[in-house]
Protein backbone atom coordinates (compact mmCIF):
# COMPACT_ATOMS: atom_id res chain seq x y z
CA GLU A 1 -18.75 16.73 -10.90
CA TYR A 2 -17.48 20.16 -11.25
CA LYS A 3 -14.77 21.98 -11.91
CA VAL A 4 -11.29 22.82 -9.20
CA LYS A 5 -8.64 25.88 -9.24
CA ILE A 6 -6.18 24.49 -7.15
CA LEU A 7 -4.65 28.29 -5.58
CA ASP A 8 -2.67 27.14 -2.47
CA GLY A 9 -1.47 24.08 -0.50
CA LEU A 10 -0.33 20.24 -2.01
CA GLU A 11 -3.90 19.07 -3.32
CA THR A 12 -6.86 18.95 -3.02
CA ASN A 13 -10.13 16.01 -2.42
CA LEU A 14 -12.84 15.11 -2.72
CA GLN A 15 -14.87 13.25 0.47
CA PHE A 16 -17.72 11.33 -0.35
CA ARG A 17 -19.98 8.60 1.30
CA SER A 18 -19.44 10.05 4.60
CA ASP A 19 -20.41 10.28 8.20
CA GLN A 20 -21.60 12.97 9.94
CA ASN A 21 -17.87 13.46 11.25
CA GLY A 22 -15.88 12.31 8.19
CA ARG A 23 -14.81 9.26 10.56
CA ASN A 24 -15.61 6.21 8.01
CA ALA A 25 -15.68 8.13 4.28
CA TYR A 26 -13.95 7.95 1.10
CA ARG A 27 -11.29 10.93 0.10
CA ILE A 28 -9.90 10.95 -3.63
CA PHE A 29 -6.87 13.03 -3.25
CA ILE A 30 -5.49 14.81 -5.75
CA PRO A 31 -2.19 16.27 -6.41
CA TYR A 32 -0.86 19.89 -6.94
CA ARG A 33 3.01 20.42 -5.08
CA THR A 34 3.36 16.58 -4.27
CA THR A 35 6.58 14.53 -4.97
CA THR A 36 4.20 11.64 -6.28
CA ASN A 37 1.80 12.71 -9.03
CA ASN A 38 -0.66 10.19 -8.38
CA VAL A 39 -4.58 10.75 -7.88
CA ARG A 40 -4.96 8.31 -4.46
CA LEU A 41 -8.72 6.76 -3.55
CA TYR A 42 -8.55 5.93 0.18
CA LYS A 43 -11.05 4.71 2.39
CA TYR A 44 -11.06 5.49 5.78
CA THR A 45 -12.41 3.74 9.19
CA ASN A 46 -13.05 4.13 11.66
CA GLY A 47 -10.80 7.38 10.69
CA ALA A 48 -7.81 4.70 10.31
CA PRO A 49 -7.17 5.06 5.86
CA ALA A 50 -6.69 1.89 3.70
CA GLN A 51 -5.95 2.47 0.63
CA ILE A 52 -7.49 1.32 -2.01
CA ALA A 53 -6.21 2.34 -5.27
CA VAL A 54 -3.53 4.85 -7.16
CA SER A 55 -3.46 5.76 -10.55
CA SER A 56 -0.17 8.30 -12.05
CA LEU A 57 -1.74 10.80 -13.97
CA ALA A 58 0.15 11.67 -17.40
CA PHE A 59 0.76 15.64 -16.17
CA ASN A 60 1.01 18.23 -13.50
CA PHE A 61 -1.48 20.10 -12.38
CA THR A 62 -0.79 23.99 -12.80
CA GLN A 63 -1.33 26.02 -10.52
CA ASP A 64 -4.38 28.84 -11.39
CA GLN A 65 -6.03 26.74 -13.97
CA TRP A 66 -9.79 25.03 -13.87
CA TYR A 67 -9.81 21.31 -14.16
CA SER A 68 -12.75 19.08 -14.51
CA LEU A 69 -13.62 16.54 -12.05
CA LYS A 70 -15.72 13.68 -12.37
CA LEU A 71 -16.77 10.21 -9.79
CA VAL A 72 -19.31 7.86 -10.85
CA ALA A 73 -19.59 6.26 -8.10
CA ASP A 74 -21.28 3.03 -8.82
CA GLY A 75 -22.66 0.70 -5.91
CA ASN A 76 -19.05 -0.71 -4.80
CA ASN A 77 -17.33 0.97 -8.46
CA PHE A 78 -15.34 3.89 -8.31
CA LYS A 79 -14.85 6.27 -11.51
CA PHE A 80 -13.05 9.48 -11.61
CA TYR A 81 -12.00 11.50 -14.53
CA ILE A 82 -9.91 14.27 -14.81
CA ASN A 83 -10.11 16.76 -18.62
CA ASN A 84 -13.49 13.28 -19.44
CA VAL A 85 -10.51 11.35 -18.89
CA LEU A 86 -10.93 9.10 -16.74
CA GLN A 87 -8.45 8.62 -14.14
CA LEU A 88 -9.14 6.03 -11.94
CA ASP A 89 -11.51 2.88 -12.04
CA ALA A 90 -11.23 1.63 -8.89
CA THR A 91 -14.27 -1.64 -6.70
CA ASP A 92 -13.99 -1.62 -3.06
CA THR A 93 -15.01 -4.86 -2.06
CA ALA A 94 -14.20 -4.72 1.71
CA ASN A 95 -17.95 -3.51 2.46
CA PRO A 96 -18.42 -1.30 0.86
CA TYR A 97 -19.88 2.37 2.31
CA SER A 98 -23.65 3.04 0.10
CA LYS A 99 -24.03 6.75 1.44
CA GLY A 100 -22.89 9.98 3.30
CA PHE A 101 -22.14 13.44 2.75
CA THR A 102 -20.18 15.20 0.00
CA ILE A 103 -17.52 17.17 0.83
CA LEU A 104 -15.19 19.64 -1.40
CA GLY A 105 -11.54 21.06 -0.43
CA TYR A 106 -9.52 20.62 2.27
CA PRO A 107 -9.64 23.14 5.42
CA SER A 108 -5.43 23.59 5.19
CA TYR A 109 -5.57 24.23 1.25
CA HIS A 110 -7.47 26.65 -0.86
CA SER A 111 -9.06 26.32 -3.88
CA HIS A 112 -12.33 27.38 -6.04
CA TYR A 113 -14.91 25.28 -7.20
CA ASP A 114 -17.70 26.04 -9.77
CA ASP A 115 -19.92 24.71 -12.50
CA ILE A 116 -20.89 21.67 -9.23
CA LYS A 117 -23.49 19.53 -10.88
CA VAL A 118 -24.57 15.68 -8.22
CA SER A 119 -26.49 12.78 -9.95
CA VAL A 120 -28.12 10.37 -7.82
CA PRO A 121 -30.18 7.20 -8.63
CA GLY A 122 -33.99 7.94 -8.74
CA GLY A 123 -35.84 7.31 -5.34
CA SER A 124 -32.80 8.03 -3.13
CA GLY A 125 -34.90 10.14 -1.07
CA GLY A 126 -35.17 14.23 -1.72
CA THR A 127 -35.36 16.47 -4.52
CA LYS A 128 -32.20 19.24 -3.63
CA VAL A 129 -29.65 19.69 -2.76
CA SER A 130 -27.92 21.93 0.65
CA VAL A 131 -24.70 22.75 -0.13
CA GLU A 132 -23.62 24.26 3.83
CA PHE A 133 -19.74 26.07 4.33
CA PHE A 134 -17.53 25.80 6.93
CA ASP A 135 -14.49 28.08 8.07
CA THR A 136 -10.72 26.62 8.88
CA ASN A 137 -11.93 26.06 12.04
CA GLY A 138 -14.88 24.13 11.26
CA LEU A 139 -18.15 26.15 11.88
CA SER A 140 -20.36 27.31 9.83
CA LEU A 141 -20.24 29.42 7.72
CA GLY A 142 -24.04 29.61 6.11
CA ALA A 143 -26.35 26.31 4.20
CA GLN A 144 -27.80 27.47 0.75
CA VAL A 145 -30.43 24.92 -1.32
CA SER A 146 -31.17 24.22 -4.42
CA SER A 147 -34.86 24.96 -5.79
CA ASN A 148 -34.46 23.94 -9.45
CA VAL A 149 -34.83 20.21 -9.21
CA ILE A 150 -35.40 17.94 -12.77
CA GLN A 151 -35.26 13.77 -12.71
CA THR A 152 -34.46 12.67 -16.00
CA LYS A 153 -34.00 9.14 -16.87
CA GLY A 154 -34.65 7.18 -13.73
CA LYS A 155 -32.51 9.97 -11.76
CA TRP A 156 -32.47 12.95 -10.01
CA GLN A 157 -30.26 15.61 -11.11
CA LEU A 158 -28.97 19.48 -9.87
CA THR A 159 -29.31 21.36 -12.49
CA ALA A 160 -29.39 25.92 -12.58
CA PHE A 161 -27.02 25.66 -8.37
CA ASP A 162 -25.06 28.61 -7.83
CA ALA A 163 -23.75 28.52 -5.02
CA SER A 164 -21.92 31.38 -3.81
CA ALA A 165 -19.47 30.62 -0.82
CA PRO A 166 -18.99 33.89 1.85
CA VAL A 167 -15.92 35.32 3.20
CA ASN A 168 -13.12 32.60 4.78
CA THR A 169 -14.83 29.82 3.22
CA SER A 170 -11.98 26.68 4.23
CA TYR A 171 -14.48 24.29 2.77
CA ALA A 172 -17.99 23.38 1.80
CA THR A 173 -20.72 19.29 2.10
CA VAL A 174 -23.20 18.71 -0.48
CA LYS A 175 -25.89 16.88 0.39
CA LEU A 176 -29.40 15.22 -1.15
CA ILE A 177 -32.27 17.13 1.42
């Protein structure tokens, strides 16, 4: 769950359950200035995309405005919300990915992120969240680690973590450690 403000580019995306190099992952593309106003979910296998679901939005994104985005990935079912309204509900029945990195943004587009919250099932391993920042060439600009994680109702939930992105940040990865 996070807030995004799209400043430039055609769209932004949320990549999740990604392997180390991003060739096997899910990606949700969120339109800004595209010819279609669709939220799209893709599954990448060895770098090849396959569309799992698409949903038309009833509104257009406005530049320089904050939007609340939330993904609930429960097993092989994925629900994606914009401003607390369900926009996409999809299930992957073909060998779904069950773990991996989460990446916010896209290297060639400019978006701002705020209020990032991560929850994972209890017992998933790790008790903190690391956010690593990268430039447009994929070079690491450093990482920040949360200090406050609490367990409530069988889930680990990140609380009170404010990651400040260095200058020239293009995208960030979020992982449980």
